[in-house]
Amino acid sequence: MADSDSRISERLFERAQKTIPGGVNSPVRAFRSVGGTPFFTKSADGPFLFTADGQRLIDFVCTWGPAIHGHNNPTIRASLEQAIKNGTSFGTPSPSEVDMAERIVAGVPSVEKVRMVNSGTEATMSCIRLARGFTGRDKIVKFAGCYHGHVDSLLISAGSGALTHGSPDSAGIPASFARETVVIDYNDPDALREVFAANPEQIAAVIIEPYPANVGLILPRQGYLQEVRRLCSENGALLIFDEVMTGFRVAYGGVQEKEAVKPDLTAMGKIIGGGLPVGAFGGKADIMNQLAPIGPVYQAGTLSGNPLAMAAGLASLHLLSEHPPYAKLEAVGLRLATAMEEAATEKGIALQVPRTGSMFSFFFSEKPVTNYPAATAANGDLFAKLFHFALERGVYLPPSPFETCFISTAHDEATIDQACEVLCRGIKAL
């Protein structure tokens, strides 16, 4: 991007830094991990972002996951336009909340009851409180590099923006909170066995991104998630799947459908809002019935089940169920990953492109990346070079090596051809 073209975003960023901490409302947007000045988006449509500087970008961030149908999808937009005629917020139950609950229960294998919230962070926070209330235990087990939102007890050895900025343990979290969270490596069943043995009848829940996607994308070893399920059941701890990213994206029923593993609780978000702020958590009826007003675990939210978010989310899920895109997205993801790995081999660069369905990431590493230490040992400088090469040529990747790329149904063949050519040239230019 030429200097003369980037002045509008530069000026906006200068203004933003005077009134917004760091100039951004979510840390990863600041480009600190890759360097440079963030661009500002004026509009989005289909697979494209249109920047304030007049550049069109092929978008592989997709609002960090929700835009599985692309941006400004006409079906979702029409549903919103109809819903807004009836008002923006009611503060009472609405029919669309019931419709959404029924659709989630029908689609997610482990969910018998569900409650809507306003974000993925609220969903995971509520799962933790509910697990503690249900079991009468305090300790939580999480996995290094898994990010579950900015919840105090879960922002310990976290991924996503905290990892990007080299500060996985946030300031402002009391040491007493941190002591109730046990952190172990992903893909290591022995570590989980040892934790249960060392903390008998103390662990309320194990929370996991079944496919960690906030430290790049990491996939489980064969049988690993099944063993985590078995160990939780054996030790009386609840298993919480954080499917905020993977739910309705890797399959309609999420990872739990693909892997045939049923957690006790599931946190959801992203796609079920159709691009609007939303979250949800659900699980077994006897656990969910511990929530107020019928149980002792309190959870509430003024805008939970917002009618606009429900309308957009229902339209999004309707498209996925009526016209399942998963086989096509799998094929496109495989094509991209294969081409980039072949380009790296030709260049003599060690590159892994882990992928599942419409999600993929980059690890410039010779060592197989199966956990957090291996992910953080990958070459982030090479990713930063690829990021800027692609951005200058109209392809937008996540501005951090510790994030995951997303493909949408709006990425047609011509768009993928163009992106693939740019990315492969970028790899060969490293």
Protein backbone atom coordinates (compact mmCIF):
# COMPACT_ATOMS: atom_id res chain seq x y z
CA MET A 1 0.00 0.00 0.00
CA ALA A 2 1.53 3.31 -1.06
CA ASP A 3 2.06 5.99 1.57
CA SER A 4 -0.30 8.39 -0.15
CA ASP A 5 -3.10 5.80 -0.03
CA SER A 6 -2.78 5.04 3.68
CA ARG A 7 -3.09 8.57 5.01
CA ILE A 8 -6.78 8.33 5.93
CA SER A 9 -6.21 5.28 8.15
CA GLU A 10 -3.09 6.87 9.58
CA ARG A 11 -5.01 10.00 10.52
CA LEU A 12 -7.85 7.96 11.99
CA PHE A 13 -5.38 5.95 14.06
CA GLU A 14 -3.73 9.13 15.33
CA ARG A 15 -7.14 10.45 16.40
CA ALA A 16 -8.14 7.13 17.93
CA GLN A 17 -5.04 6.92 20.12
CA LYS A 18 -6.07 10.16 21.82
CA THR A 19 -9.42 8.80 23.00
CA ILE A 20 -9.21 4.98 22.84
CA PRO A 21 -6.52 3.00 24.75
CA GLY A 22 -3.99 1.94 22.13
CA GLY A 23 -6.27 3.35 19.45
CA VAL A 24 -8.29 0.12 19.20
CA ASN A 25 -11.21 -1.54 20.95
CA SER A 26 -9.64 -5.02 20.86
CA PRO A 27 -5.85 -5.37 21.22
CA VAL A 28 -5.01 -7.57 18.23
CA ARG A 29 -6.37 -4.90 15.87
CA ALA A 30 -3.41 -2.64 16.70
CA PHE A 31 -0.99 -4.63 14.44
CA ARG A 32 1.58 -4.74 17.26
CA SER A 33 2.48 -8.35 16.43
CA VAL A 34 3.16 -7.70 12.74
CA GLY A 35 4.13 -4.02 12.81
CA GLY A 36 2.72 -1.10 10.90
CA THR A 37 -0.43 0.97 11.20
CA PRO A 38 -3.83 -0.72 11.19
CA PHE A 39 -6.21 0.11 8.39
CA PHE A 40 -9.78 1.20 9.06
CA THR A 41 -12.67 -0.53 7.31
CA LYS A 42 -15.36 1.59 5.70
CA SER A 43 -17.61 -1.24 4.48
CA ALA A 44 -17.64 -4.96 3.75
CA ASP A 45 -19.43 -7.11 1.22
CA GLY A 46 -19.11 -10.78 0.29
CA PRO A 47 -15.48 -11.86 0.75
CA PHE A 48 -14.17 -8.28 0.70
CA LEU A 49 -13.32 -5.47 3.08
CA PHE A 50 -13.23 -1.93 1.70
CA THR A 51 -10.84 0.28 3.62
CA ALA A 52 -11.09 3.98 4.38
CA ASP A 53 -8.08 4.35 2.06
CA GLY A 54 -9.95 2.95 -0.93
CA GLN A 55 -8.37 -0.51 -0.98
CA ARG A 56 -10.35 -3.70 -1.56
CA LEU A 57 -9.09 -6.64 0.51
CA ILE A 58 -9.88 -10.34 0.23
CA ASP A 59 -10.77 -11.06 3.84
CA PHE A 60 -9.62 -14.22 5.63
CA VAL A 61 -10.50 -12.89 9.07
CA CYS A 62 -14.27 -12.83 8.50
CA THR A 63 -14.97 -10.80 11.65
CA TRP A 64 -12.86 -13.40 13.52
CA GLY A 65 -15.23 -16.17 12.53
CA PRO A 66 -18.90 -15.11 12.39
CA ALA A 67 -19.02 -14.26 8.68
CA ILE A 68 -19.26 -17.83 7.38
CA HIS A 69 -21.67 -16.53 4.73
CA GLY A 70 -19.46 -13.56 3.88
CA HIS A 71 -20.12 -9.95 4.74
CA ASN A 72 -23.46 -8.22 4.28
CA ASN A 73 -25.19 -11.43 3.28
CA PRO A 74 -28.51 -10.49 1.65
CA THR A 75 -30.55 -13.12 3.51
CA ILE A 76 -29.20 -12.04 6.89
CA ARG A 77 -29.60 -8.38 5.97
CA ALA A 78 -33.22 -8.91 4.95
CA SER A 79 -33.94 -10.69 8.22
CA LEU A 80 -32.45 -7.77 10.15
CA GLU A 81 -34.38 -5.21 8.13
CA GLN A 82 -37.61 -7.01 8.94
CA ALA A 83 -36.77 -7.40 12.64
CA ILE A 84 -35.77 -3.78 13.18
CA LYS A 85 -39.25 -2.65 12.13
CA ASN A 86 -40.50 -4.20 15.36
CA GLY A 87 -37.96 -2.49 17.63
CA THR A 88 -34.34 -2.89 18.69
CA SER A 89 -34.70 -4.24 22.24
CA PHE A 90 -37.65 -5.34 24.35
CA GLY A 91 -36.43 -6.27 27.83
CA THR A 92 -38.97 -9.11 27.75
CA PRO A 93 -38.91 -12.60 26.26
CA SER A 94 -39.50 -12.68 22.51
CA PRO A 95 -40.53 -15.47 20.11
CA SER A 96 -37.16 -15.41 18.34
CA GLU A 97 -35.38 -16.44 21.57
CA VAL A 98 -37.45 -19.61 21.66
CA ASP A 99 -36.79 -20.25 17.98
CA MET A 100 -33.04 -19.87 18.56
CA ALA A 101 -33.03 -22.13 21.61
CA GLU A 102 -34.91 -24.85 19.72
CA ARG A 103 -32.53 -24.61 16.77
CA ILE A 104 -29.41 -24.84 18.97
CA VAL A 105 -30.80 -27.78 20.95
CA ALA A 106 -31.66 -29.57 17.71
CA GLY A 107 -28.23 -28.92 16.20
CA VAL A 108 -25.66 -29.30 18.98
CA PRO A 109 -25.42 -32.93 20.17
CA SER A 110 -24.81 -32.29 23.88
CA VAL A 111 -27.19 -29.39 24.46
CA GLU A 112 -30.57 -30.07 26.10
CA LYS A 113 -31.14 -26.52 27.35
CA VAL A 114 -29.47 -23.25 26.39
CA ARG A 115 -29.29 -19.67 27.59
CA MET A 116 -28.42 -16.68 25.44
CA VAL A 117 -25.83 -14.10 26.48
CA ASN A 118 -24.07 -11.23 24.69
CA SER A 119 -20.56 -12.52 23.98
CA GLY A 120 -18.30 -15.53 24.04
CA THR A 121 -16.66 -14.17 27.18
CA GLU A 122 -20.02 -14.11 28.95
CA ALA A 123 -20.67 -17.66 27.77
CA THR A 124 -17.44 -19.11 29.16
CA MET A 125 -17.71 -17.07 32.37
CA SER A 126 -21.22 -18.42 32.91
CA CYS A 127 -20.10 -22.00 32.21
CA ILE A 128 -17.41 -21.72 34.89
CA ARG A 129 -19.79 -20.30 37.50
CA LEU A 130 -22.40 -22.92 36.68
CA ALA A 131 -19.84 -25.76 36.87
CA ARG A 132 -18.69 -24.58 40.29
CA GLY A 133 -22.25 -24.20 41.53
CA PHE A 134 -23.28 -27.62 40.23
CA THR A 135 -20.28 -29.55 41.58
CA GLY A 136 -19.59 -27.57 44.76
CA ARG A 137 -15.93 -27.48 43.76
CA ASP A 138 -13.66 -24.51 43.02
CA LYS A 139 -10.72 -25.50 40.81
CA ILE A 140 -10.75 -25.21 37.03
CA VAL A 141 -8.38 -26.88 34.56
CA LYS A 142 -7.55 -25.08 31.32
CA PHE A 143 -4.96 -25.58 28.61
CA ALA A 144 -1.99 -23.35 27.85
CA GLY A 145 -2.70 -21.15 24.85
CA CYS A 146 -6.47 -21.70 24.90
CA TYR A 147 -8.28 -18.37 25.07
CA HIS A 148 -11.74 -18.27 26.56
CA GLY A 149 -12.36 -14.54 26.63
CA HIS A 150 -11.21 -12.04 29.20
CA VAL A 151 -12.58 -13.88 32.23
CA ASP A 152 -10.36 -13.41 35.32
CA SER A 153 -10.06 -17.10 36.16
CA LEU A 154 -9.42 -18.05 32.53
CA LEU A 155 -6.95 -15.35 31.47
CA ILE A 156 -4.08 -17.49 32.73
CA SER A 157 -1.60 -18.69 30.08
CA ALA A 158 -4.11 -17.51 27.51
CA GLY A 159 -3.91 -17.20 23.74
CA SER A 160 -5.33 -14.69 21.27
CA GLY A 161 -4.61 -11.02 21.99
CA ALA A 162 -2.95 -11.69 25.34
CA LEU A 163 -0.48 -14.04 23.69
CA THR A 164 0.09 -11.68 20.78
CA HIS A 165 1.23 -9.01 23.20
CA GLY A 166 3.52 -11.27 25.22
CA SER A 167 1.41 -10.91 28.35
CA PRO A 168 -0.66 -14.07 28.78
CA ASP A 169 -1.22 -13.38 32.50
CA SER A 170 -3.09 -10.10 32.64
CA ALA A 171 -2.54 -7.50 35.32
CA GLY A 172 -5.57 -6.99 37.51
CA ILE A 173 -6.16 -10.68 38.26
CA PRO A 174 -5.78 -11.48 41.98
CA ALA A 175 -3.31 -14.22 42.82
CA SER A 176 -6.10 -15.97 44.72
CA PHE A 177 -8.08 -16.28 41.47
CA ALA A 178 -5.09 -17.66 39.60
CA ARG A 179 -4.54 -20.33 42.26
CA GLU A 180 -7.92 -21.82 41.44
CA THR A 181 -6.90 -22.33 37.79
CA VAL A 182 -4.61 -25.23 36.86
CA VAL A 183 -2.92 -24.91 33.46
CA ILE A 184 -1.61 -27.88 31.50
CA ASP A 185 -0.48 -28.56 27.93
CA TYR A 186 -2.96 -29.58 25.25
CA ASN A 187 -2.60 -33.03 23.66
CA ASP A 188 -1.03 -34.50 26.84
CA PRO A 189 -3.49 -36.88 28.55
CA ASP A 190 -0.92 -37.84 31.19
CA ALA A 191 -0.82 -34.22 32.40
CA LEU A 192 -4.58 -34.28 32.96
CA ARG A 193 -4.36 -37.60 34.81
CA GLU A 194 -1.71 -36.12 37.09
CA VAL A 195 -3.82 -33.03 37.82
CA PHE A 196 -6.80 -35.12 38.84
CA ALA A 197 -4.59 -37.31 41.03
CA ALA A 198 -3.06 -34.24 42.72
CA ASN A 199 -6.44 -32.53 43.28
CA PRO A 200 -8.89 -35.26 44.30
CA GLU A 201 -12.52 -34.11 44.35
CA GLN A 202 -11.45 -30.47 43.93
CA ILE A 203 -11.82 -29.90 40.18
CA ALA A 204 -15.16 -28.47 39.12
CA ALA A 205 -14.51 -28.47 35.39
CA VAL A 206 -12.06 -28.86 32.57
CA ILE A 207 -12.55 -26.15 29.93
CA ILE A 208 -11.03 -26.65 26.51
CA GLU A 209 -11.12 -25.32 22.99
CA PRO A 210 -11.50 -28.77 21.42
CA TYR A 211 -9.61 -27.38 18.42
CA PRO A 212 -7.49 -24.57 19.91
CA ALA A 213 -7.75 -21.63 17.51
CA ASN A 214 -6.35 -18.71 19.49
CA VAL A 215 -2.71 -19.76 19.29
CA GLY A 216 -2.89 -20.52 15.61
CA LEU A 217 -4.90 -23.67 14.87
CA ILE A 218 -3.93 -26.87 16.72
CA LEU A 219 -5.65 -30.19 16.13
CA PRO A 220 -6.00 -33.03 18.65
CA ARG A 221 -4.07 -36.27 18.47
CA GLN A 222 -6.15 -39.34 17.70
CA GLY A 223 -8.32 -40.22 20.69
CA TYR A 224 -7.21 -37.25 22.80
CA LEU A 225 -10.59 -35.57 23.23
CA GLN A 226 -12.20 -38.91 23.97
CA GLU A 227 -9.66 -39.47 26.76
CA VAL A 228 -10.32 -36.01 28.19
CA ARG A 229 -14.02 -36.89 28.27
CA ARG A 230 -13.33 -40.19 30.02
CA LEU A 231 -11.09 -38.64 32.66
CA CYS A 232 -13.62 -35.92 33.47
CA SER A 233 -16.41 -38.47 33.90
CA GLU A 234 -14.19 -40.72 36.00
CA ASN A 235 -13.29 -37.87 38.35
CA GLY A 236 -16.67 -36.14 38.69
CA ALA A 237 -15.60 -32.98 36.85
CA LEU A 238 -17.66 -31.30 34.14
CA LEU A 239 -16.22 -31.05 30.65
CA ILE A 240 -16.76 -27.65 29.00
CA PHE A 241 -16.20 -27.26 25.27
CA ASP A 242 -15.51 -23.70 24.17
CA GLU A 243 -16.98 -23.83 20.67
CA VAL A 244 -17.28 -20.08 20.24
CA MET A 245 -15.14 -20.34 17.10
CA THR A 246 -15.79 -23.90 15.97
CA GLY A 247 -19.51 -24.17 16.67
CA PHE A 248 -21.56 -24.32 13.46
CA ARG A 249 -18.34 -23.69 11.50
CA VAL A 250 -16.32 -26.93 11.38
CA ALA A 251 -19.66 -28.77 11.27
CA TYR A 252 -23.22 -27.75 12.05
CA GLY A 253 -22.90 -29.41 15.46
CA GLY A 254 -19.33 -28.22 15.97
CA VAL A 255 -16.31 -30.27 17.00
CA GLN A 256 -18.45 -32.45 19.24
CA GLU A 257 -20.29 -33.65 16.14
CA LYS A 258 -17.07 -34.30 14.20
CA GLU A 259 -15.33 -36.08 17.08
CA ALA A 260 -18.40 -37.76 18.61
CA VAL A 261 -17.56 -36.41 22.07
CA LYS A 262 -20.31 -34.92 24.24
CA PRO A 263 -19.24 -32.27 26.76
CA ASP A 264 -21.39 -31.40 29.77
CA LEU A 265 -21.51 -27.71 28.85
CA THR A 266 -20.80 -25.83 25.62
CA ALA A 267 -19.99 -22.16 25.10
CA MET A 268 -21.08 -20.76 21.74
CA GLY A 269 -21.05 -17.45 19.88
CA LYS A 270 -19.85 -15.97 16.58
CA ILE A 271 -22.00 -17.61 13.89
CA ILE A 272 -25.21 -17.76 15.96
CA GLY A 273 -25.29 -13.94 15.89
CA GLY A 274 -24.99 -13.59 12.13
CA GLY A 275 -22.47 -10.78 12.65
CA LEU A 276 -24.14 -9.16 15.67
CA PRO A 277 -22.88 -9.43 19.28
CA VAL A 278 -24.08 -12.70 20.79
CA GLY A 279 -23.12 -15.68 22.89
CA ALA A 280 -24.81 -18.72 24.35
CA PHE A 281 -24.09 -21.60 26.68
CA GLY A 282 -25.93 -24.85 27.03
CA GLY A 283 -25.70 -28.42 28.18
CA LYS A 284 -27.40 -31.15 30.11
CA ALA A 285 -30.80 -30.18 31.51
CA ASP A 286 -29.97 -31.10 35.11
CA ILE A 287 -26.96 -28.79 35.02
CA MET A 288 -28.68 -25.92 33.21
CA ASN A 289 -31.61 -26.12 35.65
CA GLN A 290 -29.26 -24.89 38.37
CA LEU A 291 -29.50 -21.41 36.82
CA ALA A 292 -31.72 -18.70 38.28
CA PRO A 293 -34.66 -18.27 38.39
CA ILE A 294 -35.17 -21.99 39.11
CA GLY A 295 -31.74 -22.70 40.61
CA PRO A 296 -29.15 -21.09 42.90
CA VAL A 297 -26.59 -20.04 40.25
CA TYR A 298 -27.23 -16.45 39.24
CA GLN A 299 -26.74 -15.23 35.68
CA ALA A 300 -28.47 -12.35 33.91
CA GLY A 301 -28.17 -9.89 31.02
CA THR A 302 -30.35 -6.99 29.93
CA LEU A 303 -29.68 -7.49 26.23
CA SER A 304 -29.46 -11.30 26.25
CA GLY A 305 -31.60 -12.69 23.45
CA ASN A 306 -31.69 -9.32 21.70
CA PRO A 307 -34.27 -9.55 18.87
CA LEU A 308 -31.90 -8.19 16.22
CA ALA A 309 -29.14 -10.63 17.15
CA MET A 310 -31.66 -13.47 17.17
CA ALA A 311 -32.99 -12.52 13.74
CA ALA A 312 -29.52 -12.39 12.21
CA GLY A 313 -28.45 -15.59 13.93
CA LEU A 314 -31.54 -17.52 12.90
CA ALA A 315 -31.01 -16.47 9.28
CA SER A 316 -27.38 -17.57 9.49
CA LEU A 317 -28.25 -20.99 10.93
CA HIS A 318 -31.09 -21.43 8.42
CA LEU A 319 -28.63 -20.99 5.56
CA LEU A 320 -26.27 -23.54 7.09
CA SER A 321 -28.98 -26.14 7.65
CA GLU A 322 -30.83 -25.69 4.37
CA HIS A 323 -27.72 -25.42 2.19
CA PRO A 324 -24.86 -27.11 4.10
CA PRO A 325 -21.57 -25.62 2.83
CA TYR A 326 -19.19 -27.84 4.76
CA ALA A 327 -17.99 -30.12 1.97
CA LYS A 328 -17.26 -27.13 -0.28
CA LEU A 329 -15.45 -25.24 2.48
CA GLU A 330 -13.41 -28.34 3.27
CA ALA A 331 -12.32 -28.60 -0.36
CA VAL A 332 -11.39 -24.91 -0.57
CA GLY A 333 -9.43 -25.09 2.69
CA LEU A 334 -7.53 -28.15 1.50
CA ARG A 335 -6.70 -26.47 -1.80
CA LEU A 336 -5.30 -23.37 -0.11
CA ALA A 337 -3.29 -25.30 2.47
CA THR A 338 -1.82 -27.69 -0.10
CA ALA A 339 -0.78 -24.88 -2.44
CA MET A 340 0.91 -22.92 0.34
CA GLU A 341 2.75 -25.92 1.73
CA GLU A 342 3.97 -26.81 -1.80
CA ALA A 343 5.19 -23.23 -2.31
CA ALA A 344 7.10 -23.43 0.98
CA THR A 345 8.66 -26.75 0.03
CA GLU A 346 9.78 -25.29 -3.29
CA LYS A 347 11.33 -22.35 -1.44
CA GLY A 348 12.94 -24.61 1.18
CA ILE A 349 10.98 -23.08 4.09
CA ALA A 350 9.49 -25.16 6.88
CA LEU A 351 5.79 -24.31 6.88
CA GLN A 352 2.80 -26.13 8.33
CA VAL A 353 -0.72 -25.07 7.43
CA PRO A 354 -2.98 -26.87 9.92
CA ARG A 355 -6.56 -26.90 8.70
CA THR A 356 -10.02 -28.15 9.46
CA GLY A 357 -12.90 -27.24 7.17
CA SER A 358 -12.95 -23.48 6.71
CA MET A 359 -10.26 -22.75 9.34
CA PHE A 360 -6.49 -22.69 8.82
CA SER A 361 -3.35 -21.05 10.15
CA PHE A 362 0.39 -20.79 9.54
CA PHE A 363 3.25 -22.20 11.58
CA PHE A 364 6.72 -21.54 10.21
CA SER A 365 8.31 -24.42 12.06
CA GLU A 366 10.01 -27.75 11.38
CA LYS A 367 8.68 -29.23 14.63
CA PRO A 368 5.09 -30.51 14.53
CA VAL A 369 2.88 -28.02 16.38
CA THR A 370 0.69 -29.94 18.82
CA ASN A 371 0.63 -27.57 21.81
CA TYR A 372 1.30 -24.06 23.10
CA PRO A 373 5.12 -24.32 23.52
CA ALA A 374 5.52 -25.59 19.97
CA ALA A 375 3.24 -22.85 18.62
CA THR A 376 5.14 -20.05 20.34
CA ALA A 377 8.44 -21.48 19.08
CA ALA A 378 7.38 -21.00 15.44
CA ASN A 379 8.94 -18.17 13.43
CA GLY A 380 6.65 -15.18 13.86
CA ASP A 381 8.93 -12.89 11.84
CA LEU A 382 8.29 -14.89 8.67
CA PHE A 383 4.56 -14.65 9.26
CA ALA A 384 4.82 -10.86 9.67
CA LYS A 385 6.61 -10.62 6.32
CA LEU A 386 3.95 -12.76 4.65
CA PHE A 387 1.20 -10.68 6.27
CA HIS A 388 2.49 -7.41 4.83
CA PHE A 389 3.28 -8.93 1.41
CA ALA A 390 -0.32 -10.15 1.22
CA LEU A 391 -1.87 -6.96 2.58
CA GLU A 392 -0.04 -4.80 0.04
CA ARG A 393 -1.49 -7.01 -2.70
CA GLY A 394 -5.07 -7.07 -1.46
CA VAL A 395 -5.23 -10.12 0.83
CA TYR A 396 -5.97 -9.65 4.53
CA LEU A 397 -4.72 -12.27 6.99
CA PRO A 398 -5.10 -12.01 10.78
CA PRO A 399 -2.57 -9.46 12.09
CA SER A 400 -0.90 -12.01 14.38
CA PRO A 401 0.77 -15.42 13.94
CA PHE A 402 -1.33 -16.60 16.88
CA GLU A 403 -4.71 -16.32 15.19
CA THR A 404 -6.70 -18.44 12.79
CA CYS A 405 -7.85 -17.67 9.24
CA PHE A 406 -11.44 -18.23 8.14
CA ILE A 407 -13.01 -18.94 4.76
CA SER A 408 -16.60 -18.03 3.88
CA THR A 409 -19.08 -19.31 1.32
CA ALA A 410 -18.67 -15.94 -0.43
CA HIS A 411 -15.06 -16.76 -1.34
CA ASP A 412 -15.77 -17.89 -4.89
CA GLU A 413 -13.34 -19.66 -7.20
CA ALA A 414 -11.94 -16.49 -8.74
CA THR A 415 -11.36 -14.93 -5.32
CA ILE A 416 -9.61 -18.04 -4.03
CA ASP A 417 -7.49 -18.20 -7.20
CA GLN A 418 -6.35 -14.61 -6.64
CA ALA A 419 -5.65 -15.13 -2.95
CA CYS A 420 -3.82 -18.39 -3.53
CA GLU A 421 -1.57 -16.78 -6.14
CA VAL A 422 -0.70 -13.89 -3.82
CA LEU A 423 -0.03 -16.08 -0.79
CA CYS A 424 2.13 -18.54 -2.72
CA ARG A 425 4.14 -15.67 -4.23
CA GLY A 426 4.51 -14.24 -0.76
CA ILE A 427 5.86 -17.49 0.63
CA LYS A 428 8.34 -17.81 -2.22
CA ALA A 429 9.46 -14.22 -1.64
CA LEU A 430 10.39 -14.81 2.01
